[in-house]
N, C-alpha and C. Protein backbone atom coordinates (compact mmCIF):
# COMPACT_ATOMS: atom_id res chain seq x y z
N MET A 1 -72.75 -150.59 -3.31
CA MET A 1 -72.84 -149.19 -3.37
C MET A 1 -73.06 -149.30 -4.68
N SER A 2 -74.23 -147.99 -5.10
CA SER A 2 -74.25 -147.14 -6.32
C SER A 2 -72.98 -146.65 -6.59
N SER A 3 -73.23 -147.28 -8.10
CA SER A 3 -72.13 -146.43 -8.96
C SER A 3 -72.16 -144.70 -9.03
N LYS A 4 -73.16 -144.05 -8.17
CA LYS A 4 -73.24 -142.49 -8.17
C LYS A 4 -72.26 -142.57 -7.33
N ARG A 5 -72.45 -142.84 -6.15
CA ARG A 5 -71.34 -142.84 -5.07
C ARG A 5 -70.27 -143.38 -4.94
N THR A 6 -69.88 -144.31 -6.19
CA THR A 6 -68.19 -144.67 -6.43
C THR A 6 -67.45 -143.26 -6.69
N LYS A 7 -69.02 -143.28 -7.65
CA LYS A 7 -67.89 -141.85 -8.61
C LYS A 7 -67.50 -140.64 -7.61
N TRP A 8 -68.67 -140.48 -6.78
CA TRP A 8 -68.29 -138.94 -5.95
C TRP A 8 -66.98 -139.26 -5.03
N ARG A 9 -67.20 -140.76 -4.63
CA ARG A 9 -65.97 -140.75 -3.55
C ARG A 9 -64.79 -140.67 -4.06
N ASN A 10 -64.54 -141.60 -5.75
CA ASN A 10 -63.19 -141.02 -6.69
C ASN A 10 -63.13 -139.79 -6.99
N ARG A 11 -64.19 -138.76 -7.25
CA ARG A 11 -64.13 -137.31 -7.03
C ARG A 11 -63.28 -137.02 -6.33
N PHE A 12 -63.31 -137.09 -4.94
CA PHE A 12 -63.57 -136.35 -3.53
C PHE A 12 -61.83 -137.35 -3.09
N VAL A 13 -61.40 -138.15 -3.75
CA VAL A 13 -60.42 -138.60 -3.42
C VAL A 13 -59.39 -138.13 -4.27
N ALA A 14 -59.89 -138.31 -5.57
CA ALA A 14 -58.56 -137.51 -6.41
C ALA A 14 -58.45 -135.73 -6.05
N ILE A 15 -59.53 -135.36 -5.48
CA ILE A 15 -59.78 -133.74 -5.42
C ILE A 15 -58.15 -133.86 -4.00
N GLY A 16 -58.49 -134.62 -3.24
CA GLY A 16 -57.40 -135.08 -2.03
C GLY A 16 -56.24 -134.99 -2.16
N ILE A 17 -55.96 -135.67 -3.34
CA ILE A 17 -54.69 -136.00 -3.79
C ILE A 17 -53.74 -135.25 -4.74
N LEU A 18 -54.63 -134.47 -5.33
CA LEU A 18 -54.02 -133.38 -6.22
C LEU A 18 -53.94 -132.03 -4.88
N GLY A 19 -54.50 -131.58 -4.19
CA GLY A 19 -54.22 -130.80 -3.16
C GLY A 19 -52.93 -130.98 -2.18
N MET A 20 -53.12 -132.22 -1.97
CA MET A 20 -52.05 -132.76 -1.36
C MET A 20 -50.35 -132.38 -1.88
N LEU A 21 -50.76 -132.61 -3.45
CA LEU A 21 -49.29 -132.17 -4.24
C LEU A 21 -49.56 -130.96 -4.35
N ALA A 22 -50.50 -130.30 -4.76
CA ALA A 22 -50.39 -128.87 -4.91
C ALA A 22 -49.26 -128.00 -3.47
N GLY A 23 -49.97 -129.16 -2.29
CA GLY A 23 -49.02 -128.34 -1.50
C GLY A 23 -47.99 -128.59 -1.43
N CYS A 24 -47.33 -129.51 -1.47
CA CYS A 24 -46.28 -130.28 -1.88
C CYS A 24 -44.65 -129.12 -2.43
N GLY A 25 -45.01 -128.47 -3.22
CA GLY A 25 -44.71 -127.62 -4.45
C GLY A 25 -44.02 -128.11 -5.13
N GLY A 26 -43.27 -127.83 -6.32
CA GLY A 26 -42.66 -127.86 -7.61
C GLY A 26 -41.27 -127.83 -7.09
N ASP A 27 -40.39 -129.34 -8.19
CA ASP A 27 -39.44 -129.17 -8.09
C ASP A 27 -38.65 -128.36 -9.21
N ASP A 28 -39.52 -127.63 -9.92
CA ASP A 28 -38.88 -126.47 -10.95
C ASP A 28 -38.42 -125.49 -10.35
N GLN A 29 -38.84 -125.44 -8.93
CA GLN A 29 -37.77 -124.00 -8.66
C GLN A 29 -36.90 -124.24 -7.72
N PRO A 30 -35.34 -123.44 -7.10
CA PRO A 30 -34.54 -123.99 -6.54
C PRO A 30 -34.78 -123.82 -5.08
N SER A 31 -34.35 -124.61 -4.31
CA SER A 31 -35.16 -123.81 -2.51
C SER A 31 -33.79 -123.69 -2.06
N THR A 32 -34.25 -121.92 -1.59
CA THR A 32 -32.59 -121.57 -0.70
C THR A 32 -32.52 -121.78 0.54
N PRO A 33 -31.73 -122.23 0.94
CA PRO A 33 -31.83 -122.55 2.54
C PRO A 33 -31.79 -121.11 3.35
N THR A 34 -32.27 -121.59 4.67
CA THR A 34 -32.15 -120.32 5.38
C THR A 34 -30.90 -119.89 6.20
N PRO A 35 -30.04 -118.95 6.30
CA PRO A 35 -29.09 -119.08 6.43
C PRO A 35 -29.22 -118.77 8.28
N ILE A 36 -28.38 -119.82 8.74
CA ILE A 36 -28.60 -120.11 10.30
C ILE A 36 -27.95 -117.93 11.12
N PRO A 37 -28.37 -117.32 11.41
CA PRO A 37 -28.01 -116.24 12.01
C PRO A 37 -26.98 -116.71 13.28
N THR A 38 -25.47 -115.80 12.99
CA THR A 38 -24.48 -115.51 13.70
C THR A 38 -24.51 -114.75 15.18
N PRO A 39 -24.43 -115.71 15.99
CA PRO A 39 -24.78 -114.45 17.21
C PRO A 39 -23.86 -113.43 16.72
N ALA A 40 -23.71 -112.16 17.59
CA ALA A 40 -23.13 -111.36 18.05
C ALA A 40 -21.67 -111.51 18.72
N PRO A 41 -21.03 -110.86 18.32
CA PRO A 41 -19.36 -111.45 19.35
C PRO A 41 -19.89 -110.49 20.71
N THR A 42 -19.04 -111.48 21.72
CA THR A 42 -19.15 -110.49 22.88
C THR A 42 -17.87 -109.60 23.06
N PRO A 43 -18.59 -108.34 22.88
CA PRO A 43 -17.36 -107.05 23.10
C PRO A 43 -16.19 -107.62 24.28
N ALA A 44 -15.25 -107.33 24.37
CA ALA A 44 -14.02 -107.91 24.79
C ALA A 44 -14.23 -106.79 26.76
N PRO A 45 -14.14 -106.67 27.50
CA PRO A 45 -14.37 -106.21 28.61
C PRO A 45 -12.87 -105.02 28.49
N THR A 46 -13.94 -103.68 28.88
CA THR A 46 -12.97 -102.92 28.85
C THR A 46 -12.01 -102.42 30.04
N PRO A 47 -10.93 -102.48 29.92
CA PRO A 47 -9.79 -102.39 31.12
C PRO A 47 -9.87 -101.32 31.86
N GLU A 48 -9.69 -101.72 33.43
CA GLU A 48 -9.74 -100.30 33.78
C GLU A 48 -8.87 -99.99 34.03
N PRO A 49 -9.12 -98.18 34.21
CA PRO A 49 -7.73 -96.99 33.33
C PRO A 49 -7.05 -97.22 35.00
N SER A 50 -5.85 -96.49 34.45
CA SER A 50 -4.89 -96.41 35.91
C SER A 50 -4.98 -95.93 37.06
N VAL A 51 -5.02 -95.72 37.87
CA VAL A 51 -5.27 -94.55 39.51
C VAL A 51 -4.00 -94.29 40.16
N LEU A 52 -4.15 -92.79 40.04
CA LEU A 52 -3.24 -92.52 41.06
C LEU A 52 -3.30 -92.67 42.63
N VAL A 53 -2.95 -93.23 43.30
CA VAL A 53 -2.86 -94.35 44.69
C VAL A 53 -2.27 -92.93 45.47
N ALA A 54 -1.80 -92.74 45.42
CA ALA A 54 -0.31 -91.81 46.50
C ALA A 54 0.38 -90.90 45.44
N THR A 55 0.72 -89.41 46.12
CA THR A 55 2.20 -88.44 45.54
C THR A 55 2.63 -87.74 46.89
N GLY A 56 4.02 -87.82 47.07
CA GLY A 56 4.18 -87.43 47.70
C GLY A 56 5.83 -86.87 47.46
N SER A 57 6.39 -86.23 48.94
CA SER A 57 8.07 -85.72 48.57
C SER A 57 9.39 -85.83 49.90
N PHE A 58 10.07 -85.83 50.12
CA PHE A 58 11.23 -86.26 51.14
C PHE A 58 11.73 -85.33 51.17
N THR A 59 12.46 -85.03 52.03
CA THR A 59 13.93 -84.21 52.12
C THR A 59 14.39 -84.79 53.19
N ILE A 60 15.87 -85.61 52.34
CA ILE A 60 16.36 -86.33 53.66
C ILE A 60 17.48 -86.43 53.50
N LYS A 61 18.27 -86.53 54.74
CA LYS A 61 19.71 -86.42 54.94
C LYS A 61 20.58 -87.60 54.53
N ARG A 62 21.57 -87.61 54.91
CA ARG A 62 22.21 -88.84 55.26
C ARG A 62 22.25 -89.68 56.14
N ASN A 63 21.80 -90.61 56.36
CA ASN A 63 21.53 -91.49 57.94
C ASN A 63 20.26 -91.36 58.04
N GLN A 64 19.32 -90.41 57.22
CA GLN A 64 17.72 -90.74 57.42
C GLN A 64 17.08 -91.93 56.49
N LEU A 65 15.81 -91.88 56.98
CA LEU A 65 14.81 -92.58 56.45
C LEU A 65 13.96 -91.91 55.92
N GLY A 66 13.14 -91.17 54.43
CA GLY A 66 12.67 -90.72 53.98
C GLY A 66 11.34 -92.77 54.11
N ILE A 67 9.94 -92.06 55.11
CA ILE A 67 9.69 -93.07 54.74
C ILE A 67 7.93 -92.90 54.39
N SER A 68 7.02 -93.13 53.66
CA SER A 68 5.63 -92.81 53.46
C SER A 68 4.73 -93.93 53.20
N ASP A 69 3.29 -94.26 53.96
CA ASP A 69 2.53 -95.44 53.17
C ASP A 69 1.83 -95.13 52.86
N PHE A 70 1.45 -95.91 51.78
CA PHE A 70 0.03 -96.21 50.19
C PHE A 70 -0.60 -97.41 50.86
N THR A 71 -2.11 -97.19 50.61
CA THR A 71 -2.77 -97.69 50.45
C THR A 71 -3.43 -98.29 48.95
N THR A 72 -3.84 -99.52 48.76
CA THR A 72 -4.27 -99.34 47.33
C THR A 72 -5.99 -100.32 47.53
N ASP A 73 -7.14 -99.91 46.78
CA ASP A 73 -8.14 -100.99 47.22
C ASP A 73 -9.11 -102.00 46.21
N ARG A 74 -7.89 -102.47 45.60
CA ARG A 74 -7.56 -103.48 44.77
C ARG A 74 -6.68 -104.19 44.14
N ARG A 75 -6.58 -105.29 43.39
CA ARG A 75 -5.24 -105.38 43.15
C ARG A 75 -4.85 -105.36 41.86
N GLY A 76 -3.57 -104.99 41.82
CA GLY A 76 -3.18 -104.79 40.01
C GLY A 76 -1.55 -104.43 39.76
N THR A 77 -1.56 -103.92 39.35
CA THR A 77 0.13 -103.61 38.67
C THR A 77 0.79 -101.80 39.57
N LEU A 78 1.86 -101.89 40.07
CA LEU A 78 1.99 -101.10 41.34
C LEU A 78 3.23 -100.08 40.06
N ASP A 79 3.45 -99.08 39.93
CA ASP A 79 3.85 -98.16 39.46
C ASP A 79 4.90 -97.10 40.34
N VAL A 80 6.04 -97.12 40.62
CA VAL A 80 6.20 -95.83 41.76
C VAL A 80 7.74 -95.36 40.87
N GLU A 81 7.48 -93.85 40.16
CA GLU A 81 8.25 -93.40 39.96
C GLU A 81 9.09 -92.19 40.81
N ILE A 82 10.24 -92.41 41.19
CA ILE A 82 10.74 -91.14 42.06
C ILE A 82 11.48 -90.32 41.16
N GLN A 83 11.49 -88.83 41.23
CA GLN A 83 12.05 -88.03 41.10
C GLN A 83 13.08 -87.19 41.93
N TYR A 84 14.33 -86.61 41.78
CA TYR A 84 15.31 -86.03 42.53
C TYR A 84 15.94 -85.14 42.06
N GLU A 85 16.15 -84.27 42.48
CA GLU A 85 17.08 -83.66 42.20
C GLU A 85 18.48 -83.29 41.80
N ASN A 86 19.29 -83.84 42.46
CA ASN A 86 21.11 -84.02 42.04
C ASN A 86 21.19 -85.38 41.15
N ASP A 87 21.41 -85.64 39.99
CA ASP A 87 21.44 -87.17 39.50
C ASP A 87 22.64 -88.13 39.61
N SER A 88 23.69 -87.08 40.80
CA SER A 88 24.74 -87.64 40.85
C SER A 88 24.29 -88.17 42.31
N THR A 89 23.48 -88.57 42.99
CA THR A 89 23.32 -88.83 44.59
C THR A 89 22.74 -90.21 44.19
N GLU A 90 23.52 -91.19 45.17
CA GLU A 90 22.71 -92.41 45.07
C GLU A 90 21.60 -92.46 46.26
N LEU A 91 20.59 -93.03 45.47
CA LEU A 91 19.16 -93.74 46.34
C LEU A 91 19.15 -94.76 46.32
N LEU A 92 18.75 -95.29 47.15
CA LEU A 92 17.94 -96.61 47.51
C LEU A 92 16.40 -96.69 47.90
N PHE A 93 16.12 -97.22 47.09
CA PHE A 93 13.93 -96.99 47.40
C PHE A 93 14.01 -98.61 47.07
N TRP A 94 12.94 -98.61 48.54
CA TRP A 94 12.38 -100.21 48.98
C TRP A 94 11.01 -99.88 48.65
N VAL A 95 10.04 -101.11 48.56
CA VAL A 95 8.57 -101.06 48.76
C VAL A 95 8.51 -102.08 49.09
N THR A 96 7.98 -101.88 50.49
CA THR A 96 7.54 -103.38 51.31
C THR A 96 6.14 -103.94 50.51
N ASN A 97 5.94 -105.26 51.19
CA ASN A 97 5.08 -106.07 50.95
C ASN A 97 3.97 -106.07 51.63
N ARG A 98 4.28 -104.92 52.66
CA ARG A 98 2.99 -105.05 53.78
C ARG A 98 3.22 -103.65 54.36
N GLN A 99 2.82 -103.08 55.21
CA GLN A 99 3.07 -102.42 55.92
C GLN A 99 3.69 -102.29 57.14
N CYS A 100 5.12 -101.27 56.88
CA CYS A 100 6.49 -101.27 57.56
C CYS A 100 6.55 -99.90 58.16
N ASN A 101 7.34 -100.19 59.36
CA ASN A 101 7.77 -99.14 59.96
C ASN A 101 9.74 -99.24 60.21
N ARG A 102 9.77 -97.70 60.24
CA ARG A 102 11.41 -97.76 60.26
C ARG A 102 12.07 -98.81 61.30
N TRP A 103 11.64 -99.20 62.69
CA TRP A 103 12.19 -99.91 63.12
C TRP A 103 12.27 -101.60 62.73
N GLN A 104 11.10 -101.69 62.02
CA GLN A 104 11.26 -103.16 61.44
C GLN A 104 12.56 -102.98 60.44
N PHE A 105 12.36 -101.76 59.77
CA PHE A 105 12.73 -101.75 58.27
C PHE A 105 14.35 -101.88 59.14
N GLU A 106 14.82 -101.38 60.12
CA GLU A 106 16.45 -101.16 60.98
C GLU A 106 16.53 -102.74 60.82
N ARG A 107 15.74 -103.47 61.74
CA ARG A 107 15.93 -104.49 62.08
C ARG A 107 15.70 -105.68 60.67
N ASP A 108 15.51 -105.24 59.76
CA ASP A 108 15.49 -106.05 58.26
C ASP A 108 14.31 -107.11 58.78
N GLU A 109 12.91 -106.64 59.10
CA GLU A 109 12.01 -107.41 59.69
C GLU A 109 10.92 -107.46 58.21
N CYS A 110 11.32 -106.23 57.11
CA CYS A 110 10.67 -106.04 56.10
C CYS A 110 10.71 -106.57 55.07
N PHE A 111 9.75 -107.15 54.25
CA PHE A 111 10.28 -107.95 52.74
C PHE A 111 9.09 -107.20 51.83
N TYR A 112 10.20 -107.30 50.67
CA TYR A 112 9.93 -106.32 49.65
C TYR A 112 9.41 -106.52 48.18
N LEU A 113 8.21 -105.61 48.12
CA LEU A 113 7.54 -106.39 46.45
C LEU A 113 8.59 -105.90 45.67
N VAL A 114 9.67 -104.68 45.49
CA VAL A 114 10.32 -104.04 44.57
C VAL A 114 11.24 -103.24 45.64
N LYS A 115 12.48 -102.78 44.69
CA LYS A 115 14.01 -102.47 45.62
C LYS A 115 14.31 -101.73 43.90
N SER A 116 15.20 -100.57 45.02
CA SER A 116 16.09 -100.41 43.43
C SER A 116 17.22 -99.48 43.74
N LEU A 117 18.38 -100.30 43.81
CA LEU A 117 19.54 -99.53 44.77
C LEU A 117 20.33 -98.75 43.69
N GLU A 118 19.95 -98.80 42.57
CA GLU A 118 20.63 -97.60 41.80
C GLU A 118 19.78 -97.69 40.26
N GLY A 119 20.29 -96.30 39.09
CA GLY A 119 19.66 -96.19 38.12
C GLY A 119 19.31 -94.86 38.54
N PRO A 120 18.71 -94.50 37.05
CA PRO A 120 18.89 -93.06 36.56
C PRO A 120 17.45 -92.51 37.21
N ASN A 121 17.81 -91.05 36.72
CA ASN A 121 16.99 -90.06 37.10
C ASN A 121 15.52 -89.76 36.16
N PRO A 122 14.20 -90.14 36.34
CA PRO A 122 13.74 -90.50 37.17
C PRO A 122 14.05 -91.89 37.95
N ARG A 123 13.51 -92.43 38.83
CA ARG A 123 13.71 -93.84 39.56
C ARG A 123 11.93 -94.71 38.89
N HIS A 124 12.45 -95.63 38.02
CA HIS A 124 11.18 -96.11 38.00
C HIS A 124 11.00 -97.99 38.82
N LEU A 125 10.08 -98.21 39.46
CA LEU A 125 9.66 -99.28 40.42
C LEU A 125 8.47 -99.98 39.57
N THR A 126 8.74 -100.92 39.49
CA THR A 126 7.27 -101.95 39.52
C THR A 126 7.21 -103.05 40.02
N ALA A 127 5.76 -103.66 40.57
CA ALA A 127 5.21 -104.56 41.36
C ALA A 127 4.11 -105.56 40.69
N ARG A 128 3.88 -106.26 39.90
CA ARG A 128 2.93 -106.83 39.35
C ARG A 128 2.38 -107.46 40.41
N GLU A 129 0.93 -107.87 40.00
CA GLU A 129 -0.30 -108.96 40.75
C GLU A 129 -0.37 -108.73 42.31
N VAL A 130 -0.02 -107.16 42.72
CA VAL A 130 -0.33 -106.91 44.12
C VAL A 130 -1.31 -106.65 44.51
N PRO A 131 -1.59 -107.36 45.40
CA PRO A 131 -2.96 -107.96 46.08
C PRO A 131 -3.20 -106.25 46.72
N ALA A 132 -4.48 -105.77 47.25
CA ALA A 132 -4.82 -104.76 47.53
C ALA A 132 -4.65 -104.88 49.20
N GLY A 133 -4.25 -103.89 49.58
CA GLY A 133 -3.23 -103.69 50.72
C GLY A 133 -2.46 -102.68 51.25
N THR A 134 -1.72 -101.91 52.49
CA THR A 134 -1.10 -101.38 52.61
C THR A 134 0.12 -101.05 52.65
N TYR A 135 1.04 -100.75 51.69
CA TYR A 135 2.28 -100.31 51.96
C TYR A 135 3.39 -99.80 52.06
N THR A 136 4.49 -99.43 52.14
CA THR A 136 5.51 -98.64 52.37
C THR A 136 6.29 -98.26 51.69
N LEU A 137 6.87 -97.03 51.65
CA LEU A 137 8.00 -96.41 50.53
C LEU A 137 9.01 -96.44 51.15
N PHE A 138 10.18 -96.97 51.07
CA PHE A 138 11.48 -96.35 51.83
C PHE A 138 12.51 -95.50 51.32
N ALA A 139 12.72 -94.35 51.48
CA ALA A 139 14.27 -94.24 50.76
C ALA A 139 15.41 -93.80 51.27
N ALA A 140 16.28 -93.65 50.83
CA ALA A 140 18.09 -93.41 51.92
C ALA A 140 18.58 -92.54 50.94
N ILE A 141 19.63 -92.11 51.33
CA ILE A 141 20.51 -91.67 51.19
C ILE A 141 22.03 -92.89 50.57
N ASP A 142 22.81 -92.60 49.69
CA ASP A 142 23.77 -93.83 49.84
C ASP A 142 24.83 -93.08 49.85
N THR A 143 25.27 -92.10 49.99
CA THR A 143 26.39 -91.35 49.72
C THR A 143 26.61 -89.98 50.00
N PRO A 144 27.91 -89.25 50.15
CA PRO A 144 28.34 -88.29 51.03
C PRO A 144 27.33 -86.95 51.04
N ARG A 145 26.86 -87.39 49.96
CA ARG A 145 25.89 -85.73 49.82
C ARG A 145 25.27 -85.23 51.15
N VAL A 146 24.83 -84.61 51.85
CA VAL A 146 24.20 -83.96 52.90
C VAL A 146 22.86 -84.25 52.92
N GLN A 147 22.44 -83.72 52.06
CA GLN A 147 20.66 -83.96 51.41
C GLN A 147 20.29 -84.17 50.24
N GLU A 148 19.05 -84.44 50.30
CA GLU A 148 18.90 -84.96 48.94
C GLU A 148 16.85 -84.55 49.13
N THR A 149 16.67 -83.42 48.11
CA THR A 149 14.90 -83.94 48.04
C THR A 149 14.63 -84.29 46.95
N MET A 150 12.88 -84.97 46.96
CA MET A 150 12.61 -86.10 45.67
C MET A 150 11.09 -85.97 45.90
N SER A 151 10.49 -86.73 44.64
CA SER A 151 8.83 -86.19 45.20
C SER A 151 8.43 -87.68 44.30
N TRP A 152 7.74 -88.30 44.54
CA TRP A 152 7.28 -89.35 43.83
C TRP A 152 5.85 -89.89 43.96
N GLU A 153 5.40 -90.89 42.55
CA GLU A 153 4.17 -90.90 42.87
C GLU A 153 3.89 -92.37 42.59
N VAL A 154 2.69 -92.81 43.44
CA VAL A 154 2.15 -94.65 43.03
C VAL A 154 1.29 -94.65 42.22
N VAL A 155 1.37 -95.15 41.01
CA VAL A 155 -0.15 -95.62 40.34
C VAL A 155 -0.02 -97.09 39.97
N LEU A 156 -1.51 -97.34 39.86
CA LEU A 156 -1.99 -98.62 40.24
C LEU A 156 -2.71 -99.25 39.17
N THR A 157 -2.31 -99.44 38.22
CA THR A 157 -2.76 -100.31 36.70
C THR A 157 -3.81 -101.77 37.10
N PRO A 158 -5.33 -101.80 37.51
CA PRO A 158 -6.35 -102.25 38.20
C PRO A 158 -5.65 -104.13 37.23
N GLU A 159 -6.03 -104.92 37.54
CA GLU A 159 -5.62 -106.34 36.71
C GLU A 159 -7.34 -107.03 36.90
């Protein structure tokens, strides 16, 4: 091989090496690592608002039952509030775990989600983790008082 060719080849090799070194960058400037993006937090689900399921009223006499069925369309916590006229009247309240009629109730064939046999006016009954379904509210007087009028409402807070 001629020396002229060798010189050119050496020049091309030198130029190639310089090009590679130039592409590597220098160590004279500190490198800044690229931050890893933090994923946005997943927002907590918004709880469903409470829903008024049923309202009503009873005027009952001693030895009578106030009876009302109500239906929920989803699982949740039932809150029943009952207000009555005379604070001295001893009233008894039950919410059954299924639809229940007067005769089943009188034969003690009903099971209860919640009951209240005493307490201040207004009376509050709460049952948690209640599945969707039809339920019955019963009211009775347990004093010599002849008659009592009451109003009630059932609110469901979905779970």
